[in-house]
Amino acid sequence: MLPADVAVTFRSKSTGGRLVTVPAQATVVTAQDSRWEDVTTALKGSRLNAPAGDSIARWATDATIYALAPTGTPCRARQLLPAVRAAQPAATPATTLTWHPWHLNGRPKWRRGTRH
């Protein structure tokens, strides 16, 4: 179940980076709702791998469909607060001074003594 207030993030198709985040209001659309026909028609058109049969009738009994309506000002990725960004890793006493790879039967002769 979705909360009433959500933040929808749109990402770049090429890099996957965050482009914009939009605050939105999530509401349940039922079969008795006036928006049902429009919403389910749009969903059915985008479901390329939908199973055979009447998907819309099945959704009316077995699924929960939400409509998202924007409620605020979009926020570009550069405008996000530092608290929203990824958290810093937790402090730990573990350290690695140098890289010590382990190879079964040692390193291959052609790789011994070379640095990459």
PDB file of N, CA and C in Angstrom:
ATOM      1  N   MET A   1       0.835  -1.168   0.000  1.00  0.00           N
ATOM      2  CA  MET A   1       0.000   0.000   0.000  1.00  0.00           C
ATOM      3  C   MET A   1       0.887   1.241   0.000  1.00  0.00           C
ATOM      4  N   LEU A   2       0.593   2.158  -0.879  1.00  0.00           N
ATOM      5  CA  LEU A   2       1.359   3.396  -0.971  1.00  0.00           C
ATOM      6  C   LEU A   2       0.877   4.402   0.070  1.00  0.00           C
ATOM      7  N   PRO A   3       1.789   5.214   0.596  1.00  0.00           N
ATOM      8  CA  PRO A   3       1.336   6.307   1.455  1.00  0.00           C
ATOM      9  C   PRO A   3       0.646   7.374   0.613  1.00  0.00           C
ATOM     10  N   ALA A   4      -0.096   8.255   1.254  1.00  0.00           N
ATOM     11  CA  ALA A   4      -0.833   9.292   0.520  1.00  0.00           C
ATOM     12  C   ALA A   4       0.114  10.258  -0.180  1.00  0.00           C
ATOM     13  N   ASP A   5       1.201  10.640   0.483  1.00  0.00           N
ATOM     14  CA  ASP A   5       2.170  11.560  -0.114  1.00  0.00           C
ATOM     15  C   ASP A   5       3.416  10.786  -0.516  1.00  0.00           C
ATOM     16  N   VAL A   6       3.792  10.883  -1.791  1.00  0.00           N
ATOM     17  CA  VAL A   6       4.963  10.179  -2.302  1.00  0.00           C
ATOM     18  C   VAL A   6       5.841  11.160  -3.072  1.00  0.00           C
ATOM     19  N   ALA A   7       7.075  10.773  -3.312  1.00  0.00           N
ATOM     20  CA  ALA A   7       7.992  11.530  -4.152  1.00  0.00           C
ATOM     21  C   ALA A   7       8.337  10.649  -5.345  1.00  0.00           C
ATOM     22  N   VAL A   8       8.028  11.116  -6.537  1.00  0.00           N
ATOM     23  CA  VAL A   8       8.279  10.365  -7.767  1.00  0.00           C
ATOM     24  C   VAL A   8       9.576  10.889  -8.376  1.00  0.00           C
ATOM     25  N   THR A   9      10.535   9.981  -8.622  1.00  0.00           N
ATOM     26  CA  THR A   9      11.829  10.355  -9.179  1.00  0.00           C
ATOM     27  C   THR A   9      11.917   9.880 -10.616  1.00  0.00           C
ATOM     28  N   PHE A  10      12.255  10.784 -11.502  1.00  0.00           N
ATOM     29  CA  PHE A  10      12.447  10.462 -12.911  1.00  0.00           C
ATOM     30  C   PHE A  10      13.946  10.396 -13.161  1.00  0.00           C
ATOM     31  N   ARG A  11      14.363   9.320 -13.855  1.00  0.00           N
ATOM     32  CA  ARG A  11      15.785   9.086 -14.114  1.00  0.00           C
ATOM     33  C   ARG A  11      16.086   9.165 -15.605  1.00  0.00           C
ATOM     34  N   SER A  12      17.332   9.422 -15.923  1.00  0.00           N
ATOM     35  CA  SER A  12      17.790   9.485 -17.298  1.00  0.00           C
ATOM     36  C   SER A  12      17.806   8.086 -17.912  1.00  0.00           C
ATOM     37  N   LYS A  13      17.328   7.966 -19.149  1.00  0.00           N
ATOM     38  CA  LYS A  13      17.355   6.662 -19.819  1.00  0.00           C
ATOM     39  C   LYS A  13      18.783   6.247 -20.152  1.00  0.00           C
ATOM     40  N   SER A  14      19.649   7.199 -20.443  1.00  0.00           N
ATOM     41  CA  SER A  14      21.002   6.843 -20.869  1.00  0.00           C
ATOM     42  C   SER A  14      21.933   6.532 -19.703  1.00  0.00           C
ATOM     43  N   THR A  15      21.889   7.323 -18.626  1.00  0.00           N
ATOM     44  CA  THR A  15      22.836   7.127 -17.532  1.00  0.00           C
ATOM     45  C   THR A  15      22.193   6.591 -16.260  1.00  0.00           C
ATOM     46  N   GLY A  16      20.892   6.700 -16.131  1.00  0.00           N
ATOM     47  CA  GLY A  16      20.223   6.265 -14.913  1.00  0.00           C
ATOM     48  C   GLY A  16      20.298   7.286 -13.797  1.00  0.00           C
ATOM     49  N   GLY A  17      20.895   8.441 -14.063  1.00  0.00           N
ATOM     50  CA  GLY A  17      21.016   9.485 -13.054  1.00  0.00           C
ATOM     51  C   GLY A  17      19.678  10.159 -12.792  1.00  0.00           C
ATOM     52  N   ARG A  18      19.533  10.691 -11.591  1.00  0.00           N
ATOM     53  CA  ARG A  18      18.291  11.354 -11.197  1.00  0.00           C
ATOM     54  C   ARG A  18      18.165  12.678 -11.939  1.00  0.00           C
ATOM     55  N   LEU A  19      17.043  12.896 -12.624  1.00  0.00           N
ATOM     56  CA  LEU A  19      16.801  14.138 -13.341  1.00  0.00           C
ATOM     57  C   LEU A  19      15.975  15.109 -12.509  1.00  0.00           C
ATOM     58  N   VAL A  20      14.844  14.619 -12.017  1.00  0.00           N
ATOM     59  CA  VAL A  20      13.930  15.485 -11.267  1.00  0.00           C
ATOM     60  C   VAL A  20      13.099  14.624 -10.317  1.00  0.00           C
ATOM     61  N   THR A  21      12.725  15.205  -9.182  1.00  0.00           N
ATOM     62  CA  THR A  21      11.852  14.543  -8.225  1.00  0.00           C
ATOM     63  C   THR A  21      10.622  15.415  -8.045  1.00  0.00           C
ATOM     64  N   VAL A  22       9.438  14.798  -8.135  1.00  0.00           N
ATOM     65  CA  VAL A  22       8.174  15.533  -8.055  1.00  0.00           C
ATOM     66  C   VAL A  22       7.366  14.993  -6.882  1.00  0.00           C
ATOM     67  N   PRO A  23       6.922  15.866  -5.958  1.00  0.00           N
ATOM     68  CA  PRO A  23       6.021  15.399  -4.910  1.00  0.00           C
ATOM     69  C   PRO A  23       4.647  15.117  -5.509  1.00  0.00           C
ATOM     70  N   ALA A  24       3.997  14.041  -5.064  1.00  0.00           N
ATOM     71  CA  ALA A  24       2.708  13.659  -5.645  1.00  0.00           C
ATOM     72  C   ALA A  24       1.781  13.104  -4.574  1.00  0.00           C
ATOM     73  N   GLN A  25       0.496  13.123  -4.888  1.00  0.00           N
ATOM     74  CA  GLN A  25      -0.547  12.559  -4.039  1.00  0.00           C
ATOM     75  C   GLN A  25      -1.005  11.248  -4.688  1.00  0.00           C
ATOM     76  N   ALA A  26      -0.963  10.144  -3.940  1.00  0.00           N
ATOM     77  CA  ALA A  26      -1.385   8.838  -4.451  1.00  0.00           C
ATOM     78  C   ALA A  26      -2.811   8.551  -3.985  1.00  0.00           C
ATOM     79  N   THR A  27      -3.681   8.233  -4.943  1.00  0.00           N
ATOM     80  CA  THR A  27      -5.055   7.858  -4.615  1.00  0.00           C
ATOM     81  C   THR A  27      -5.401   6.553  -5.312  1.00  0.00           C
ATOM     82  N   VAL A  28      -6.215   5.736  -4.651  1.00  0.00           N
ATOM     83  CA  VAL A  28      -6.634   4.453  -5.219  1.00  0.00           C
ATOM     84  C   VAL A  28      -7.739   4.705  -6.236  1.00  0.00           C
ATOM     85  N   VAL A  29      -7.622   4.054  -7.401  1.00  0.00           N
ATOM     86  CA  VAL A  29      -8.656   4.131  -8.438  1.00  0.00           C
ATOM     87  C   VAL A  29      -9.385   2.794  -8.433  1.00  0.00           C
ATOM     88  N   THR A  30     -10.684   2.821  -8.163  1.00  0.00           N
ATOM     89  CA  THR A  30     -11.490   1.606  -8.130  1.00  0.00           C
ATOM     90  C   THR A  30     -12.308   1.493  -9.404  1.00  0.00           C
ATOM     91  N   ALA A  31     -12.939   0.340  -9.590  1.00  0.00           N
ATOM     92  CA  ALA A  31     -13.752   0.111 -10.790  1.00  0.00           C
ATOM     93  C   ALA A  31     -14.963   1.037 -10.831  1.00  0.00           C
ATOM     94  N   GLN A  32     -15.398   1.560  -9.687  1.00  0.00           N
ATOM     95  CA  GLN A  32     -16.533   2.469  -9.649  1.00  0.00           C
ATOM     96  C   GLN A  32     -16.137   3.924  -9.887  1.00  0.00           C
ATOM     97  N   ASP A  33     -14.854   4.194  -9.930  1.00  0.00           N
ATOM     98  CA  ASP A  33     -14.341   5.553 -10.116  1.00  0.00           C
ATOM     99  C   ASP A  33     -14.526   5.983 -11.564  1.00  0.00           C
ATOM    100  N   SER A  34     -14.778   7.280 -11.765  1.00  0.00           N
ATOM    101  CA  SER A  34     -14.965   7.797 -13.129  1.00  0.00           C
ATOM    102  C   SER A  34     -13.673   7.739 -13.942  1.00  0.00           C
ATOM    103  N   ARG A  35     -12.512   7.671 -13.280  1.00  0.00           N
ATOM    104  CA  ARG A  35     -11.218   7.614 -13.980  1.00  0.00           C
ATOM    105  C   ARG A  35     -10.832   6.203 -14.391  1.00  0.00           C
ATOM    106  N   TRP A  36     -11.573   5.181 -13.961  1.00  0.00           N
ATOM    107  CA  TRP A  36     -11.215   3.776 -14.186  1.00  0.00           C
ATOM    108  C   TRP A  36     -10.948   3.460 -15.649  1.00  0.00           C
ATOM    109  N   GLU A  37     -11.821   3.852 -16.516  1.00  0.00           N
ATOM    110  CA  GLU A  37     -11.694   3.539 -17.952  1.00  0.00           C
ATOM    111  C   GLU A  37     -10.405   4.122 -18.531  1.00  0.00           C
ATOM    112  N   ASP A  38     -10.148   5.398 -18.255  1.00  0.00           N
ATOM    113  CA  ASP A  38      -8.948   6.045 -18.800  1.00  0.00           C
ATOM    114  C   ASP A  38      -7.670   5.427 -18.236  1.00  0.00           C
ATOM    115  N   VAL A  39      -7.651   5.177 -16.929  1.00  0.00           N
ATOM    116  CA  VAL A  39      -6.454   4.643 -16.277  1.00  0.00           C
ATOM    117  C   VAL A  39      -6.148   3.229 -16.765  1.00  0.00           C
ATOM    118  N   THR A  40      -7.137   2.361 -16.793  1.00  0.00           N
ATOM    119  CA  THR A  40      -6.894   0.978 -17.193  1.00  0.00           C
ATOM    120  C   THR A  40      -6.571   0.851 -18.681  1.00  0.00           C
ATOM    121  N   THR A  41      -7.151   1.711 -19.506  1.00  0.00           N
ATOM    122  CA  THR A  41      -6.810   1.692 -20.934  1.00  0.00           C
ATOM    123  C   THR A  41      -5.340   2.069 -21.130  1.00  0.00           C
ATOM    124  N   ALA A  42      -4.876   3.074 -20.410  1.00  0.00           N
ATOM    125  CA  ALA A  42      -3.473   3.478 -20.509  1.00  0.00           C
ATOM    126  C   ALA A  42      -2.547   2.377 -19.976  1.00  0.00           C
ATOM    127  N   LEU A  43      -2.933   1.730 -18.875  1.00  0.00           N
ATOM    128  CA  LEU A  43      -2.112   0.648 -18.326  1.00  0.00           C
ATOM    129  C   LEU A  43      -2.054  -0.551 -19.261  1.00  0.00           C
ATOM    130  N   LYS A  44      -3.187  -0.913 -19.820  1.00  0.00           N
ATOM    131  CA  LYS A  44      -3.219  -2.086 -20.707  1.00  0.00           C
ATOM    132  C   LYS A  44      -2.363  -1.861 -21.942  1.00  0.00           C
ATOM    133  N   GLY A  45      -2.343  -0.650 -22.461  1.00  0.00           N
ATOM    134  CA  GLY A  45      -1.523  -0.336 -23.629  1.00  0.00           C
ATOM    135  C   GLY A  45      -0.037  -0.445 -23.357  1.00  0.00           C
ATOM    136  N   SER A  46       0.373  -0.215 -22.107  1.00  0.00           N
ATOM    137  CA  SER A  46       1.800  -0.275 -21.779  1.00  0.00           C
ATOM    138  C   SER A  46       2.245  -1.658 -21.315  1.00  0.00           C
ATOM    139  N   ARG A  47       1.326  -2.580 -21.123  1.00  0.00           N
ATOM    140  CA  ARG A  47       1.662  -3.947 -20.678  1.00  0.00           C
ATOM    141  C   ARG A  47       1.869  -4.835 -21.900  1.00  0.00           C
ATOM    142  N   LEU A  48       3.080  -4.900 -22.395  1.00  0.00           N
ATOM    143  CA  LEU A  48       3.373  -5.694 -23.583  1.00  0.00           C
ATOM    144  C   LEU A  48       3.385  -7.192 -23.294  1.00  0.00           C
ATOM    145  N   ASN A  49       3.663  -7.580 -22.053  1.00  0.00           N
ATOM    146  CA  ASN A  49       3.739  -8.992 -21.715  1.00  0.00           C
ATOM    147  C   ASN A  49       2.525  -9.448 -20.907  1.00  0.00           C
ATOM    148  N   ALA A  50       1.394  -8.785 -21.063  1.00  0.00           N
ATOM    149  CA  ALA A  50       0.192  -9.129 -20.305  1.00  0.00           C
ATOM    150  C   ALA A  50      -0.294 -10.524 -20.696  1.00  0.00           C
ATOM    151  N   PRO A  51      -0.765 -11.310 -19.719  1.00  0.00           N
ATOM    152  CA  PRO A  51      -1.291 -12.641 -20.040  1.00  0.00           C
ATOM    153  C   PRO A  51      -2.574 -12.545 -20.843  1.00  0.00           C
ATOM    154  N   ALA A  52      -2.912 -13.633 -21.514  1.00  0.00           N
ATOM    155  CA  ALA A  52      -4.135 -13.658 -22.323  1.00  0.00           C
ATOM    156  C   ALA A  52      -5.352 -13.513 -21.417  1.00  0.00           C
ATOM    157  N   GLY A  53      -6.404 -12.972 -21.951  1.00  0.00           N
ATOM    158  CA  GLY A  53      -7.625 -12.782 -21.174  1.00  0.00           C
ATOM    159  C   GLY A  53      -7.895 -11.307 -20.955  1.00  0.00           C
ATOM    160  N   ASP A  54      -8.941 -11.038 -20.204  1.00  0.00           N
ATOM    161  CA  ASP A  54      -9.343  -9.666 -19.948  1.00  0.00           C
ATOM    162  C   ASP A  54      -8.612  -9.148 -18.713  1.00  0.00           C
ATOM    163  N   SER A  55      -7.526  -8.423 -18.938  1.00  0.00           N
ATOM    164  CA  SER A  55      -6.716  -7.896 -17.846  1.00  0.00           C
ATOM    165  C   SER A  55      -7.488  -6.896 -17.006  1.00  0.00           C
ATOM    166  N   ILE A  56      -8.294  -6.070 -17.655  1.00  0.00           N
ATOM    167  CA  ILE A  56      -9.018  -5.017 -16.937  1.00  0.00           C
ATOM    168  C   ILE A  56     -10.016  -5.621 -15.956  1.00  0.00           C
ATOM    169  N   ALA A  57     -10.715  -6.677 -16.349  1.00  0.00           N
ATOM    170  CA  ALA A  57     -11.653  -7.329 -15.427  1.00  0.00           C
ATOM    171  C   ALA A  57     -10.901  -7.968 -14.259  1.00  0.00           C
ATOM    172  N   ARG A  58      -9.735  -8.535 -14.527  1.00  0.00           N
ATOM    173  CA  ARG A  58      -8.939  -9.134 -13.466  1.00  0.00           C
ATOM    174  C   ARG A  58      -8.419  -8.069 -12.517  1.00  0.00           C
ATOM    175  N   TRP A  59      -8.010  -6.914 -13.056  1.00  0.00           N
ATOM    176  CA  TRP A  59      -7.527  -5.825 -12.216  1.00  0.00           C
ATOM    177  C   TRP A  59      -8.629  -5.306 -11.296  1.00  0.00           C
ATOM    178  N   ALA A  60      -9.874  -5.330 -11.772  1.00  0.00           N
ATOM    179  CA  ALA A  60     -10.993  -4.827 -10.966  1.00  0.00           C
ATOM    180  C   ALA A  60     -11.181  -5.651  -9.700  1.00  0.00           C
ATOM    181  N   THR A  61     -10.836  -6.941  -9.751  1.00  0.00           N
ATOM    182  CA  THR A  61     -11.041  -7.801  -8.583  1.00  0.00           C
ATOM    183  C   THR A  61      -9.756  -8.114  -7.815  1.00  0.00           C
ATOM    184  N   ASP A  62      -8.620  -8.180  -8.503  1.00  0.00           N
ATOM    185  CA  ASP A  62      -7.393  -8.672  -7.877  1.00  0.00           C
ATOM    186  C   ASP A  62      -6.302  -7.634  -7.643  1.00  0.00           C
ATOM    187  N   ALA A  63      -6.409  -6.449  -8.202  1.00  0.00           N
ATOM    188  CA  ALA A  63      -5.302  -5.492  -8.158  1.00  0.00           C
ATOM    189  C   ALA A  63      -5.708  -4.193  -7.471  1.00  0.00           C
ATOM    190  N   THR A  64      -4.699  -3.472  -7.024  1.00  0.00           N
ATOM    191  CA  THR A  64      -4.894  -2.114  -6.513  1.00  0.00           C
ATOM    192  C   THR A  64      -4.180  -1.179  -7.471  1.00  0.00           C
ATOM    193  N   ILE A  65      -4.921  -0.253  -8.051  1.00  0.00           N
ATOM    194  CA  ILE A  65      -4.372   0.677  -9.025  1.00  0.00           C
ATOM    195  C   ILE A  65      -4.380   2.067  -8.396  1.00  0.00           C
ATOM    196  N   TYR A  66      -3.243   2.740  -8.492  1.00  0.00           N
ATOM    197  CA  TYR A  66      -3.091   4.079  -7.929  1.00  0.00           C
ATOM    198  C   TYR A  66      -2.973   5.108  -9.038  1.00  0.00           C
ATOM    199  N   ALA A  67      -3.503   6.292  -8.784  1.00  0.00           N
ATOM    200  CA  ALA A  67      -3.291   7.447  -9.649  1.00  0.00           C
ATOM    201  C   ALA A  67      -2.402   8.415  -8.883  1.00  0.00           C
ATOM    202  N   LEU A  68      -1.384   8.936  -9.542  1.00  0.00           N
ATOM    203  CA  LEU A  68      -0.471   9.883  -8.917  1.00  0.00           C
ATOM    204  C   LEU A  68      -0.706  11.258  -9.519  1.00  0.00           C
ATOM    205  N   ALA A  69      -0.968  12.239  -8.660  1.00  0.00           N
ATOM    206  CA  ALA A  69      -1.188  13.617  -9.103  1.00  0.00           C
ATOM    207  C   ALA A  69      -0.121  14.501  -8.481  1.00  0.00           C
ATOM    208  N   PRO A  70       0.593  15.290  -9.302  1.00  0.00           N
ATOM    209  CA  PRO A  70       1.636  16.159  -8.749  1.00  0.00           C
ATOM    210  C   PRO A  70       1.022  17.186  -7.792  1.00  0.00           C
ATOM    211  N   THR A  71       1.719  17.442  -6.682  1.00  0.00           N
ATOM    212  CA  THR A  71       1.180  18.366  -5.680  1.00  0.00           C
ATOM    213  C   THR A  71       2.096  19.539  -5.377  1.00  0.00           C
ATOM    214  N   GLY A  72       3.310  19.517  -5.837  1.00  0.00           N
ATOM    215  CA  GLY A  72       4.235  20.592  -5.479  1.00  0.00           C
ATOM    216  C   GLY A  72       5.157  20.930  -6.622  1.00  0.00           C
ATOM    217  N   THR A  73       6.192  21.640  -6.283  1.00  0.00           N
ATOM    218  CA  THR A  73       7.174  22.086  -7.264  1.00  0.00           C
ATOM    219  C   THR A  73       8.206  20.993  -7.506  1.00  0.00           C
ATOM    220  N   PRO A  74       8.486  20.676  -8.773  1.00  0.00           N
ATOM    221  CA  PRO A  74       9.535  19.686  -9.059  1.00  0.00           C
ATOM    222  C   PRO A  74      10.883  20.168  -8.529  1.00  0.00           C
ATOM    223  N   CYS A  75      11.703  19.231  -8.117  1.00  0.00           N
ATOM    224  CA  CYS A  75      13.025  19.536  -7.573  1.00  0.00           C
ATOM    225  C   CYS A  75      14.065  18.860  -8.453  1.00  0.00           C
ATOM    226  N   ARG A  76      14.906  19.666  -9.097  1.00  0.00           N
ATOM    227  CA  ARG A  76      15.975  19.099  -9.920  1.00  0.00           C
ATOM    228  C   ARG A  76      17.022  18.454  -9.037  1.00  0.00           C
ATOM    229  N   ALA A  77      17.815  17.571  -9.601  1.00  0.00           N
ATOM    230  CA  ALA A  77      18.809  16.815  -8.831  1.00  0.00           C
ATOM    231  C   ALA A  77      19.784  17.737  -8.109  1.00  0.00           C
ATOM    232  N   ARG A  78      20.161  18.853  -8.713  1.00  0.00           N
ATOM    233  CA  ARG A  78      21.126  19.759  -8.084  1.00  0.00           C
ATOM    234  C   ARG A  78      20.527  20.515  -6.906  1.00  0.00           C
ATOM    235  N   GLN A  79      19.196  20.582  -6.830  1.00  0.00           N
ATOM    236  CA  GLN A  79      18.547  21.340  -5.773  1.00  0.00           C
ATOM    237  C   GLN A  79      18.232  20.504  -4.543  1.00  0.00           C
ATOM    238  N   LEU A  80      18.542  19.221  -4.563  1.00  0.00           N
ATOM    239  CA  LEU A  80      18.211  18.361  -3.435  1.00  0.00           C
ATOM    240  C   LEU A  80      19.032  18.733  -2.211  1.00  0.00           C
ATOM    241  N   LEU A  81      18.431  18.573  -1.070  1.00  0.00           N
ATOM    242  CA  LEU A  81      19.133  18.853   0.180  1.00  0.00           C
ATOM    243  C   LEU A  81      20.174  17.770   0.436  1.00  0.00           C
ATOM    244  N   PRO A  82      21.252  18.098   1.122  1.00  0.00           N
ATOM    245  CA  PRO A  82      22.267  17.078   1.424  1.00  0.00           C
ATOM    246  C   PRO A  82      21.695  15.904   2.212  1.00  0.00           C
ATOM    247  N   ALA A  83      20.661  16.121   3.032  1.00  0.00           N
ATOM    248  CA  ALA A  83      20.072  15.036   3.821  1.00  0.00           C
ATOM    249  C   ALA A  83      19.386  14.009   2.932  1.00  0.00           C
ATOM    250  N   VAL A  84      18.971  14.400   1.740  1.00  0.00           N
ATOM    251  CA  VAL A  84      18.276  13.495   0.831  1.00  0.00           C
ATOM    252  C   VAL A  84      19.270  12.607   0.091  1.00  0.00           C
ATOM    253  N   ARG A  85      20.484  13.060  -0.065  1.00  0.00           N
ATOM    254  CA  ARG A  85      21.486  12.297  -0.812  1.00  0.00           C
ATOM    255  C   ARG A  85      21.919  11.065  -0.038  1.00  0.00           C
ATOM    256  N   ALA A  86      22.726  10.245  -0.637  1.00  0.00           N
ATOM    257  CA  ALA A  86      23.164   8.993  -0.022  1.00  0.00           C
ATOM    258  C   ALA A  86      23.923   9.267   1.272  1.00  0.00           C
ATOM    259  N   ALA A  87      23.705   8.429   2.250  1.00  0.00           N
ATOM    260  CA  ALA A  87      24.359   8.578   3.546  1.00  0.00           C
ATOM    261  C   ALA A  87      25.818   8.150   3.458  1.00  0.00           C
ATOM    262  N   GLN A  88      26.636   8.745   4.299  1.00  0.00           N
ATOM    263  CA  GLN A  88      28.044   8.376   4.377  1.00  0.00           C
ATOM    264  C   GLN A  88      28.159   6.990   5.006  1.00  0.00           C
ATOM    265  N   PRO A  89      29.149   6.195   4.623  1.00  0.00           N
ATOM    266  CA  PRO A  89      29.312   4.880   5.241  1.00  0.00           C
ATOM    267  C   PRO A  89      29.653   5.018   6.724  1.00  0.00           C
ATOM    268  N   ALA A  90      29.248   4.028   7.486  1.00  0.00           N
ATOM    269  CA  ALA A  90      29.511   4.037   8.926  1.00  0.00           C
ATOM    270  C   ALA A  90      31.004   3.901   9.188  1.00  0.00           C
ATOM    271  N   ALA A  91      31.467   4.549  10.252  1.00  0.00           N
ATOM    272  CA  ALA A  91      32.879   4.456  10.631  1.00  0.00           C
ATOM    273  C   ALA A  91      33.179   3.037  11.111  1.00  0.00           C
ATOM    274  N   THR A  92      34.366   2.547  10.748  1.00  0.00           N
ATOM    275  CA  THR A  92      34.763   1.192  11.123  1.00  0.00           C
ATOM    276  C   THR A  92      36.267   1.150  11.363  1.00  0.00           C
ATOM    277  N   PRO A  93      36.732   0.299  12.269  1.00  0.00           N
ATOM    278  CA  PRO A  93      38.175   0.191  12.489  1.00  0.00           C
ATOM    279  C   PRO A  93      38.878  -0.654  11.420  1.00  0.00           C
ATOM    280  N   ALA A  94      38.137  -1.310  10.555  1.00  0.00           N
ATOM    281  CA  ALA A  94      38.737  -2.165   9.528  1.00  0.00           C
ATOM    282  C   ALA A  94      39.451  -1.310   8.493  1.00  0.00           C
ATOM    283  N   THR A  95      40.664  -1.713   8.136  1.00  0.00           N
ATOM    284  CA  THR A  95      41.434  -1.008   7.111  1.00  0.00           C
ATOM    285  C   THR A  95      42.147  -2.009   6.223  1.00  0.00           C
ATOM    286  N   THR A  96      42.507  -1.566   5.048  1.00  0.00           N
ATOM    287  CA  THR A  96      43.319  -2.360   4.133  1.00  0.00           C
ATOM    288  C   THR A  96      44.489  -1.490   3.721  1.00  0.00           C
ATOM    289  N   LEU A  97      45.698  -1.866   4.137  1.00  0.00           N
ATOM    290  CA  LEU A  97      46.863  -1.052   3.825  1.00  0.00           C
ATOM    291  C   LEU A  97      47.331  -1.279   2.401  1.00  0.00           C
ATOM    292  N   THR A  98      47.332  -2.514   1.969  1.00  0.00           N
ATOM    293  CA  THR A  98      47.730  -2.824   0.593  1.00  0.00           C
ATOM    294  C   THR A  98      46.814  -3.904   0.064  1.00  0.00           C
ATOM    295  N   TRP A  99      46.873  -4.087  -1.230  1.00  0.00           N
ATOM    296  CA  TRP A  99      46.039  -5.093  -1.872  1.00  0.00           C
ATOM    297  C   TRP A  99      46.820  -6.392  -1.931  1.00  0.00           C
ATOM    298  N   HIS A 100      46.278  -7.466  -1.357  1.00  0.00           N
ATOM    299  CA  HIS A 100      46.937  -8.762  -1.334  1.00  0.00           C
ATOM    300  C   HIS A 100      46.043  -9.798  -2.003  1.00  0.00           C
ATOM    301  N   PRO A 101      46.111  -9.924  -3.312  1.00  0.00           N
ATOM    302  CA  PRO A 101      45.275 -10.930  -3.957  1.00  0.00           C
ATOM    303  C   PRO A 101      45.799 -12.334  -3.661  1.00  0.00           C
ATOM    304  N   TRP A 102      44.901 -13.288  -3.567  1.00  0.00           N
ATOM    305  CA  TRP A 102      45.282 -14.673  -3.350  1.00  0.00           C
ATOM    306  C   TRP A 102      44.940 -15.457  -4.608  1.00  0.00           C
ATOM    307  N   HIS A 103      45.893 -16.218  -5.106  1.00  0.00           N
ATOM    308  CA  HIS A 103      45.689 -17.023  -6.302  1.00  0.00           C
ATOM    309  C   HIS A 103      46.008 -18.477  -5.983  1.00  0.00           C
ATOM    310  N   LEU A 104      45.140 -19.364  -6.385  1.00  0.00           N
ATOM    311  CA  LEU A 104      45.398 -20.790  -6.232  1.00  0.00           C
ATOM    312  C   LEU A 104      46.633 -21.148  -7.055  1.00  0.00           C
ATOM    313  N   ASN A 105      47.607 -21.806  -6.444  1.00  0.00           N
ATOM    314  CA  ASN A 105      48.874 -22.166  -7.081  1.00  0.00           C
ATOM    315  C   ASN A 105      49.710 -20.950  -7.458  1.00  0.00           C
ATOM    316  N   GLY A 106      49.496 -19.820  -6.842  1.00  0.00           N
ATOM    317  CA  GLY A 106      50.290 -18.623  -7.107  1.00  0.00           C
ATOM    318  C   GLY A 106      49.829 -17.887  -8.355  1.00  0.00           C
ATOM    319  N   ARG A 107      50.458 -16.747  -8.588  1.00  0.00           N
ATOM    320  CA  ARG A 107      50.130 -15.962  -9.785  1.00  0.00           C
ATOM    321  C   ARG A 107      50.708 -16.643 -11.017  1.00  0.00           C
ATOM    322  N   PRO A 108      50.089 -16.465 -12.162  1.00  0.00           N
ATOM    323  CA  PRO A 108      50.677 -17.007 -13.389  1.00  0.00           C
ATOM    324  C   PRO A 108      52.050 -16.378 -13.643  1.00  0.00           C
ATOM    325  N   LYS A 109      52.962 -17.131 -14.241  1.00  0.00           N
ATOM    326  CA  LYS A 109      54.331 -16.636 -14.456  1.00  0.00           C
ATOM    327  C   LYS A 109      54.339 -15.361 -15.284  1.00  0.00           C
ATOM    328  N   TRP A 110      53.482 -15.286 -16.247  1.00  0.00           N
ATOM    329  CA  TRP A 110      53.489 -14.106 -17.112  1.00  0.00           C
ATOM    330  C   TRP A 110      53.001 -12.869 -16.378  1.00  0.00           C
ATOM    331  N   ARG A 111      52.337 -13.014 -15.191  1.00  0.00           N
ATOM    332  CA  ARG A 111      51.853 -11.867 -14.439  1.00  0.00           C
ATOM    333  C   ARG A 111      52.741 -11.517 -13.251  1.00  0.00           C
ATOM    334  N   ARG A 112      53.731 -12.341 -12.929  1.00  0.00           N
ATOM    335  CA  ARG A 112      54.578 -12.091 -11.757  1.00  0.00           C
ATOM    336  C   ARG A 112      55.479 -10.884 -11.988  1.00  0.00           C
ATOM    337  N   GLY A 113      55.511 -10.050 -10.989  1.00  0.00           N
ATOM    338  CA  GLY A 113      56.410  -8.905 -11.068  1.00  0.00           C
ATOM    339  C   GLY A 113      55.881  -7.732 -11.870  1.00  0.00           C
ATOM    340  N   THR A 114      54.699  -7.848 -12.454  1.00  0.00           N
ATOM    341  CA  THR A 114      54.150  -6.721 -13.212  1.00  0.00           C
ATOM    342  C   THR A 114      53.066  -6.048 -12.397  1.00  0.00           C
ATOM    343  N   ARG A 115      52.960  -4.774 -12.550  1.00  0.00           N
ATOM    344  CA  ARG A 115      51.924  -3.979 -11.874  1.00  0.00           C
ATOM    345  C   ARG A 115      51.019  -3.365 -12.907  1.00  0.00           C
ATOM    346  N   HIS A 116      49.729  -3.428 -12.691  1.00  0.00           N
ATOM    347  CA  HIS A 116      48.764  -2.805 -13.606  1.00  0.00           C
ATOM    348  C   HIS A 116      47.952  -1.797 -12.870  1.00  0.00           C
TER     349      HIS A 116
END
